PDB file of N, CA and C in Angstrom:
ATOM      1  N   UNK A   1    -173.603-113.947  34.045  1.00  0.00           N
ATOM      2  CA  UNK A   1    -172.724-114.323  35.346  1.00  0.00           C
ATOM      3  C   UNK A   1    -172.858-113.610  36.413  1.00  0.00           C
ATOM      4  N   UNK A   2    -173.894-112.335  36.450  1.00  0.00           N
ATOM      5  CA  UNK A   2    -174.207-111.684  37.353  1.00  0.00           C
ATOM      6  C   UNK A   2    -175.120-112.283  38.335  1.00  0.00           C
ATOM      7  N   UNK A   3    -175.630-113.385  38.112  1.00  0.00           N
ATOM      8  CA  UNK A   3    -176.675-114.413  38.916  1.00  0.00           C
ATOM      9  C   UNK A   3    -176.070-115.535  38.987  1.00  0.00           C
ATOM     10  N   UNK A   4    -176.433-116.089  40.173  1.00  0.00           N
ATOM     11  CA  UNK A   4    -175.709-117.183  40.723  1.00  0.00           C
ATOM     12  C   UNK A   4    -176.433-118.360  40.001  1.00  0.00           C
ATOM     13  N   UNK A   5    -177.813-118.174  39.669  1.00  0.00           N
ATOM     14  CA  UNK A   5    -178.490-119.080  38.507  1.00  0.00           C
ATOM     15  C   UNK A   5    -178.711-118.504  37.463  1.00  0.00           C
ATOM     16  N   UNK A   6    -178.377-119.249  36.169  1.00  0.00           N
ATOM     17  CA  UNK A   6    -178.577-119.006  35.044  1.00  0.00           C
ATOM     18  C   UNK A   6    -179.373-120.003  34.454  1.00  0.00           C
ATOM     19  N   UNK A   7    -179.960-119.250  33.283  1.00  0.00           N
ATOM     20  CA  UNK A   7    -181.220-120.184  32.719  1.00  0.00           C
ATOM     21  C   UNK A   7    -180.630-121.263  32.246  1.00  0.00           C
ATOM     22  N   UNK A   8    -181.388-122.746  32.195  1.00  0.00           N
ATOM     23  CA  UNK A   8    -180.770-123.741  31.381  1.00  0.00           C
ATOM     24  C   UNK A   8    -180.490-123.736  30.062  1.00  0.00           C
ATOM     25  N   UNK A   9    -180.837-122.696  29.353  1.00  0.00           N
ATOM     26  CA  UNK A   9    -180.950-122.416  27.944  1.00  0.00           C
ATOM     27  C   UNK A   9    -179.291-121.667  27.771  1.00  0.00           C
ATOM     28  N   UNK A  10    -178.525-121.165  28.775  1.00  0.00           N
ATOM     29  CA  UNK A  10    -177.410-120.445  28.817  1.00  0.00           C
ATOM     30  C   UNK A  10    -176.149-121.195  28.123  1.00  0.00           C
ATOM     31  N   UNK A  11    -175.656-120.391  27.101  1.00  0.00           N
ATOM     32  CA  UNK A  11    -174.499-121.154  26.448  1.00  0.00           C
ATOM     33  C   UNK A  11    -173.251-120.600  26.808  1.00  0.00           C
ATOM     34  N   UNK A  12    -172.188-121.456  27.072  1.00  0.00           N
ATOM     35  CA  UNK A  12    -170.960-120.779  27.037  1.00  0.00           C
ATOM     36  C   UNK A  12    -169.932-121.465  25.893  1.00  0.00           C
ATOM     37  N   UNK A  13    -168.905-120.526  25.706  1.00  0.00           N
ATOM     38  CA  UNK A  13    -167.722-121.384  24.952  1.00  0.00           C
ATOM     39  C   UNK A  13    -166.590-121.249  26.088  1.00  0.00           C
ATOM     40  N   UNK A  14    -166.321-122.518  26.034  1.00  0.00           N
ATOM     41  CA  UNK A  14    -165.239-122.817  27.201  1.00  0.00           C
ATOM     42  C   UNK A  14    -163.910-123.319  26.158  1.00  0.00           C
ATOM     43  N   UNK A  15    -162.883-122.263  26.607  1.00  0.00           N
ATOM     44  CA  UNK A  15    -161.704-122.934  25.596  1.00  0.00           C
ATOM     45  C   UNK A  15    -160.609-123.187  27.070  1.00  0.00           C
ATOM     46  N   UNK A  16    -159.861-124.091  26.829  1.00  0.00           N
ATOM     47  CA  UNK A  16    -158.911-124.418  27.721  1.00  0.00           C
ATOM     48  C   UNK A  16    -157.615-124.511  27.211  1.00  0.00           C
ATOM     49  N   UNK A  17    -156.785-123.725  27.461  1.00  0.00           N
ATOM     50  CA  UNK A  17    -155.243-123.841  26.792  1.00  0.00           C
ATOM     51  C   UNK A  17    -154.678-125.277  27.150  1.00  0.00           C
ATOM     52  N   UNK A  18    -154.238-125.914  25.837  1.00  0.00           N
ATOM     53  CA  UNK A  18    -153.469-127.363  26.015  1.00  0.00           C
ATOM     54  C   UNK A  18    -154.361-128.520  26.340  1.00  0.00           C
ATOM     55  N   UNK A  19    -155.773-128.286  26.209  1.00  0.00           N
ATOM     56  CA  UNK A  19    -156.636-129.498  26.508  1.00  0.00           C
ATOM     57  C   UNK A  19    -157.476-129.581  25.225  1.00  0.00           C
ATOM     58  N   UNK A  20    -157.572-130.586  25.004  1.00  0.00           N
ATOM     59  CA  UNK A  20    -158.488-131.141  23.617  1.00  0.00           C
ATOM     60  C   UNK A  20    -159.881-131.070  24.319  1.00  0.00           C
ATOM     61  N   UNK A  21    -160.803-131.128  23.247  1.00  0.00           N
ATOM     62  CA  UNK A  21    -162.162-130.876  23.523  1.00  0.00           C
ATOM     63  C   UNK A  21    -162.922-132.178  24.350  1.00  0.00           C
ATOM     64  N   UNK A  22    -163.436-132.270  25.320  1.00  0.00           N
ATOM     65  CA  UNK A  22    -163.888-133.268  26.010  1.00  0.00           C
ATOM     66  C   UNK A  22    -165.196-134.044  25.739  1.00  0.00           C
ATOM     67  N   UNK A  23    -165.944-133.254  24.756  1.00  0.00           N
ATOM     68  CA  UNK A  23    -166.815-133.733  24.182  1.00  0.00           C
ATOM     69  C   UNK A  23    -166.786-134.080  22.466  1.00  0.00           C
ATOM     70  N   UNK A  24    -167.438-135.059  22.117  1.00  0.00           N
ATOM     71  CA  UNK A  24    -167.347-135.371  20.659  1.00  0.00           C
ATOM     72  C   UNK A  24    -168.374-134.675  20.104  1.00  0.00           C
ATOM     73  N   UNK A  25    -168.408-134.488  18.693  1.00  0.00           N
ATOM     74  CA  UNK A  25    -169.285-133.691  18.179  1.00  0.00           C
ATOM     75  C   UNK A  25    -170.748-134.097  18.117  1.00  0.00           C
ATOM     76  N   UNK A  26    -171.012-135.322  18.327  1.00  0.00           N
ATOM     77  CA  UNK A  26    -172.232-135.949  18.465  1.00  0.00           C
ATOM     78  C   UNK A  26    -172.965-135.301  19.922  1.00  0.00           C
ATOM     79  N   UNK A  27    -171.997-135.323  20.654  1.00  0.00           N
ATOM     80  CA  UNK A  27    -172.426-135.022  22.152  1.00  0.00           C
ATOM     81  C   UNK A  27    -172.774-133.583  22.273  1.00  0.00           C
ATOM     82  N   UNK A  28    -172.075-132.564  21.304  1.00  0.00           N
ATOM     83  CA  UNK A  28    -172.217-131.080  21.319  1.00  0.00           C
ATOM     84  C   UNK A  28    -173.772-131.207  20.725  1.00  0.00           C
ATOM     85  N   UNK A  29    -173.963-131.838  19.585  1.00  0.00           N
ATOM     86  CA  UNK A  29    -175.429-131.951  18.920  1.00  0.00           C
ATOM     87  C   UNK A  29    -176.701-131.941  19.808  1.00  0.00           C
ATOM     88  N   UNK A  30    -176.169-133.442  20.760  1.00  0.00           N
ATOM     89  CA  UNK A  30    -177.331-133.624  21.606  1.00  0.00           C
ATOM     90  C   UNK A  30    -177.484-132.674  22.606  1.00  0.00           C
ATOM     91  N   UNK A  31    -176.540-132.039  22.945  1.00  0.00           N
ATOM     92  CA  UNK A  31    -176.881-130.829  24.023  1.00  0.00           C
ATOM     93  C   UNK A  31    -177.542-129.785  23.243  1.00  0.00           C
ATOM     94  N   UNK A  32    -177.115-129.374  22.150  1.00  0.00           N
ATOM     95  CA  UNK A  32    -177.661-128.280  21.608  1.00  0.00           C
ATOM     96  C   UNK A  32    -179.355-128.442  21.313  1.00  0.00           C
ATOM     97  N   UNK A  33    -179.831-129.958  21.141  1.00  0.00           N
ATOM     98  CA  UNK A  33    -181.035-129.982  20.983  1.00  0.00           C
ATOM     99  C   UNK A  33    -181.746-130.675  22.290  1.00  0.00           C
ATOM    100  N   UNK A  34    -181.053-130.342  23.329  1.00  0.00           N
ATOM    101  CA  UNK A  34    -181.457-130.813  24.745  1.00  0.00           C
ATOM    102  C   UNK A  34    -181.868-132.370  24.818  1.00  0.00           C
ATOM    103  N   UNK A  35    -181.234-133.144  24.268  1.00  0.00           N
ATOM    104  CA  UNK A  35    -181.545-134.510  24.375  1.00  0.00           C
ATOM    105  C   UNK A  35    -180.409-135.001  25.435  1.00  0.00           C
ATOM    106  N   UNK A  36    -179.460-134.184  25.674  1.00  0.00           N
ATOM    107  CA  UNK A  36    -178.425-134.769  26.661  1.00  0.00           C
ATOM    108  C   UNK A  36    -178.141-133.796  27.451  1.00  0.00           C
ATOM    109  N   UNK A  37    -177.777-133.544  28.651  1.00  0.00           N
ATOM    110  CA  UNK A  37    -177.458-133.012  29.867  1.00  0.00           C
ATOM    111  C   UNK A  37    -175.968-133.176  30.241  1.00  0.00           C
ATOM    112  N   UNK A  38    -175.044-132.503  30.619  1.00  0.00           N
ATOM    113  CA  UNK A  38    -173.885-132.731  31.380  1.00  0.00           C
ATOM    114  C   UNK A  38    -173.751-131.855  32.359  1.00  0.00           C
ATOM    115  N   UNK A  39    -172.942-132.458  33.288  1.00  0.00           N
ATOM    116  CA  UNK A  39    -172.351-131.485  34.643  1.00  0.00           C
ATOM    117  C   UNK A  39    -170.812-131.515  34.620  1.00  0.00           C
ATOM    118  N   UNK A  40    -170.304-130.055  34.642  1.00  0.00           N
ATOM    119  CA  UNK A  40    -169.126-130.307  34.384  1.00  0.00           C
ATOM    120  C   UNK A  40    -168.603-129.293  35.660  1.00  0.00           C
ATOM    121  N   UNK A  41    -167.121-129.615  36.185  1.00  0.00           N
ATOM    122  CA  UNK A  41    -166.599-129.199  37.487  1.00  0.00           C
ATOM    123  C   UNK A  41    -165.348-128.557  36.982  1.00  0.00           C
ATOM    124  N   UNK A  42    -165.150-127.066  37.431  1.00  0.00           N
ATOM    125  CA  UNK A  42    -164.164-126.730  37.013  1.00  0.00           C
ATOM    126  C   UNK A  42    -162.926-126.516  38.202  1.00  0.00           C
ATOM    127  N   UNK A  43    -161.597-126.491  38.083  1.00  0.00           N
ATOM    128  CA  UNK A  43    -160.864-126.244  38.932  1.00  0.00           C
ATOM    129  C   UNK A  43    -160.233-124.966  39.086  1.00  0.00           C
ATOM    130  N   UNK A  44    -160.007-124.782  40.265  1.00  0.00           N
ATOM    131  CA  UNK A  44    -159.570-123.070  40.279  1.00  0.00           C
ATOM    132  C   UNK A  44    -160.357-122.204  39.724  1.00  0.00           C
ATOM    133  N   UNK A  45    -161.486-122.033  39.847  1.00  0.00           N
ATOM    134  CA  UNK A  45    -162.529-121.153  39.114  1.00  0.00           C
ATOM    135  C   UNK A  45    -162.382-119.821  40.130  1.00  0.00           C
ATOM    136  N   UNK A  46    -162.129-119.003  38.901  1.00  0.00           N
ATOM    137  CA  UNK A  46    -162.193-117.337  39.227  1.00  0.00           C
ATOM    138  C   UNK A  46    -162.942-116.667  38.399  1.00  0.00           C
ATOM    139  N   UNK A  47    -163.524-115.467  38.882  1.00  0.00           N
ATOM    140  CA  UNK A  47    -164.454-114.499  37.819  1.00  0.00           C
ATOM    141  C   UNK A  47    -163.513-113.046  37.718  1.00  0.00           C
ATOM    142  N   UNK A  48    -163.657-112.864  36.526  1.00  0.00           N
ATOM    143  CA  UNK A  48    -162.892-111.196  36.249  1.00  0.00           C
ATOM    144  C   UNK A  48    -164.164-110.592  35.573  1.00  0.00           C
ATOM    145  N   UNK A  49    -163.919-109.193  35.855  1.00  0.00           N
ATOM    146  CA  UNK A  49    -164.695-108.323  35.122  1.00  0.00           C
ATOM    147  C   UNK A  49    -163.842-107.115  34.933  1.00  0.00           C
ATOM    148  N   UNK A  50    -164.109-106.556  33.726  1.00  0.00           N
ATOM    149  CA  UNK A  50    -162.975-105.633  32.983  1.00  0.00           C
ATOM    150  C   UNK A  50    -163.558-104.972  32.013  1.00  0.00           C
ATOM    151  N   UNK A  51    -163.553-103.432  32.077  1.00  0.00           N
ATOM    152  CA  UNK A  51    -164.439-102.536  31.141  1.00  0.00           C
ATOM    153  C   UNK A  51    -165.699-103.163  30.433  1.00  0.00           C
ATOM    154  N   UNK A  52    -166.523-103.543  31.592  1.00  0.00           N
ATOM    155  CA  UNK A  52    -168.148-104.225  30.721  1.00  0.00           C
ATOM    156  C   UNK A  52    -168.073-105.387  30.258  1.00  0.00           C
ATOM    157  N   UNK A  53    -166.897-106.011  30.571  1.00  0.00           N
ATOM    158  CA  UNK A  53    -166.958-107.605  29.969  1.00  0.00           C
ATOM    159  C   UNK A  53    -166.602-108.384  31.302  1.00  0.00           C
ATOM    160  N   UNK A  54    -166.826-109.462  31.091  1.00  0.00           N
ATOM    161  CA  UNK A  54    -166.687-110.444  32.316  1.00  0.00           C
ATOM    162  C   UNK A  54    -166.371-111.728  31.961  1.00  0.00           C
ATOM    163  N   UNK A  55    -165.835-112.715  32.631  1.00  0.00           N
ATOM    164  CA  UNK A  55    -165.695-114.145  32.093  1.00  0.00           C
ATOM    165  C   UNK A  55    -165.067-114.828  33.439  1.00  0.00           C
ATOM    166  N   UNK A  56    -164.860-116.308  33.050  1.00  0.00           N
ATOM    167  CA  UNK A  56    -164.330-117.229  33.988  1.00  0.00           C
ATOM    168  C   UNK A  56    -163.056-117.595  33.625  1.00  0.00           C
ATOM    169  N   UNK A  57    -162.340-117.735  34.599  1.00  0.00           N
ATOM    170  CA  UNK A  57    -161.045-118.290  34.388  1.00  0.00           C
ATOM    171  C   UNK A  57    -160.646-119.600  35.029  1.00  0.00           C
ATOM    172  N   UNK A  58    -160.301-121.111  34.785  1.00  0.00           N
ATOM    173  CA  UNK A  58    -160.364-122.016  35.739  1.00  0.00           C
ATOM    174  C   UNK A  58    -158.884-122.692  34.857  1.00  0.00           C
ATOM    175  N   UNK A  59    -158.384-123.509  35.776  1.00  0.00           N
ATOM    176  CA  UNK A  59    -157.181-124.136  35.502  1.00  0.00           C
ATOM    177  C   UNK A  59    -157.223-125.917  34.852  1.00  0.00           C
ATOM    178  N   UNK A  60    -158.667-125.952  34.819  1.00  0.00           N
ATOM    179  CA  UNK A  60    -159.160-127.298  34.187  1.00  0.00           C
ATOM    180  C   UNK A  60    -160.629-127.639  34.287  1.00  0.00           C
ATOM    181  N   UNK A  61    -161.146-128.386  33.609  1.00  0.00           N
ATOM    182  CA  UNK A  61    -162.598-128.765  33.576  1.00  0.00           C
ATOM    183  C   UNK A  61    -162.647-130.108  33.300  1.00  0.00           C
ATOM    184  N   UNK A  62    -163.636-130.808  34.164  1.00  0.00           N
ATOM    185  CA  UNK A  62    -163.811-132.192  33.512  1.00  0.00           C
ATOM    186  C   UNK A  62    -165.349-132.624  33.894  1.00  0.00           C
ATOM    187  N   UNK A  63    -165.606-133.328  33.217  1.00  0.00           N
ATOM    188  CA  UNK A  63    -167.363-134.126  33.040  1.00  0.00           C
ATOM    189  C   UNK A  63    -167.440-134.751  34.369  1.00  0.00           C
ATOM    190  N   UNK A  64    -168.643-134.556  35.106  1.00  0.00           N
ATOM    191  CA  UNK A  64    -168.747-135.469  36.099  1.00  0.00           C
ATOM    192  C   UNK A  64    -169.952-136.567  35.660  1.00  0.00           C
ATOM    193  N   UNK A  65    -169.311-137.743  36.158  1.00  0.00           N
ATOM    194  CA  UNK A  65    -170.004-139.326  35.630  1.00  0.00           C
ATOM    195  C   UNK A  65    -171.186-139.222  36.478  1.00  0.00           C
ATOM    196  N   UNK A  66    -172.521-138.355  36.147  1.00  0.00           N
ATOM    197  CA  UNK A  66    -173.965-138.664  36.790  1.00  0.00           C
ATOM    198  C   UNK A  66    -174.697-139.204  36.236  1.00  0.00           C
ATOM    199  N   UNK A  67    -175.581-139.793  36.963  1.00  0.00           N
ATOM    200  CA  UNK A  67    -176.709-140.519  36.064  1.00  0.00           C
ATOM    201  C   UNK A  67    -177.543-139.516  35.737  1.00  0.00           C
ATOM    202  N   UNK A  68    -178.672-139.633  34.545  1.00  0.00           N
ATOM    203  CA  UNK A  68    -179.473-138.660  34.518  1.00  0.00           C
ATOM    204  C   UNK A  68    -180.782-138.347  35.607  1.00  0.00           C
ATOM    205  N   UNK A  69    -180.668-139.220  36.658  1.00  0.00           N
ATOM    206  CA  UNK A  69    -181.479-138.973  38.081  1.00  0.00           C
ATOM    207  C   UNK A  69    -180.802-137.927  38.596  1.00  0.00           C
ATOM    208  N   UNK A  70    -179.371-138.267  38.870  1.00  0.00           N
ATOM    209  CA  UNK A  70    -178.755-137.235  39.792  1.00  0.00           C
ATOM    210  C   UNK A  70    -178.585-135.778  38.973  1.00  0.00           C
ATOM    211  N   UNK A  71    -178.432-135.643  37.491  1.00  0.00           N
ATOM    212  CA  UNK A  71    -178.470-134.625  37.167  1.00  0.00           C
ATOM    213  C   UNK A  71    -179.745-133.919  37.220  1.00  0.00           C
ATOM    214  N   UNK A  72    -180.873-134.585  37.333  1.00  0.00           N
ATOM    215  CA  UNK A  72    -182.160-133.854  37.355  1.00  0.00           C
ATOM    216  C   UNK A  72    -182.601-133.244  38.674  1.00  0.00           C
ATOM    217  N   UNK A  73    -181.913-133.906  39.882  1.00  0.00           N
ATOM    218  CA  UNK A  73    -181.853-133.541  41.195  1.00  0.00           C
ATOM    219  C   UNK A  73    -181.109-132.368  41.278  1.00  0.00           C
ATOM    220  N   UNK A  74    -180.046-132.246  40.917  1.00  0.00           N
ATOM    221  CA  UNK A  74    -179.100-130.994  40.640  1.00  0.00           C
ATOM    222  C   UNK A  74    -180.061-129.926  40.242  1.00  0.00           C
ATOM    223  N   UNK A  75    -180.577-130.214  39.068  1.00  0.00           N
ATOM    224  CA  UNK A  75    -180.829-129.013  38.173  1.00  0.00           C
ATOM    225  C   UNK A  75    -182.567-128.711  38.848  1.00  0.00           C
ATOM    226  N   UNK A  76    -183.106-129.413  39.061  1.00  0.00           N
ATOM    227  CA  UNK A  76    -184.633-129.256  39.941  1.00  0.00           C
ATOM    228  C   UNK A  76    -184.134-128.767  41.054  1.00  0.00           C
ATOM    229  N   UNK A  77    -183.369-129.094  42.011  1.00  0.00           N
ATOM    230  CA  UNK A  77    -182.844-128.470  43.039  1.00  0.00           C
ATOM    231  C   UNK A  77    -182.536-127.030  43.216  1.00  0.00           C
ATOM    232  N   UNK A  78    -181.753-126.785  41.989  1.00  0.00           N
ATOM    233  CA  UNK A  78    -181.055-125.262  41.736  1.00  0.00           C
ATOM    234  C   UNK A  78    -182.784-124.404  41.566  1.00  0.00           C
ATOM    235  N   UNK A  79    -183.689-124.898  41.016  1.00  0.00           N
ATOM    236  CA  UNK A  79    -184.607-124.301  40.252  1.00  0.00           C
ATOM    237  C   UNK A  79    -185.600-123.813  41.684  1.00  0.00           C
ATOM    238  N   UNK A  80    -185.518-124.892  42.623  1.00  0.00           N
ATOM    239  CA  UNK A  80    -186.387-124.610  43.552  1.00  0.00           C
ATOM    240  C   UNK A  80    -186.203-123.596  44.591  1.00  0.00           C
ATOM    241  N   UNK A  81    -184.818-123.006  44.531  1.00  0.00           N
ATOM    242  CA  UNK A  81    -184.665-122.073  45.469  1.00  0.00           C
ATOM    243  C   UNK A  81    -184.757-120.720  44.751  1.00  0.00           C
ATOM    244  N   UNK A  82    -185.295-120.542  43.369  1.00  0.00           N
ATOM    245  CA  UNK A  82    -185.619-119.445  42.836  1.00  0.00           C
ATOM    246  C   UNK A  82    -186.791-118.604  43.857  1.00  0.00           C
TER     247      UNK A  82
END
């Protein structure tokens, strides 16, 4: 999180109080094996750092309904700035 751009293989565990999982088990498997990509948006995202640990807090998360072409533009565009 100390970088604005994280590698594509970066894994996050996201827990949201009072909200069930947005993905089905087969979606998670497809993401793990890189056969599916999703883009999510966080509501009211904030960063924290305490005693060498860091994390993010948000009031909500949602999956953006994007085509594969739109996702590739976002991913490809972010790497072009490196």
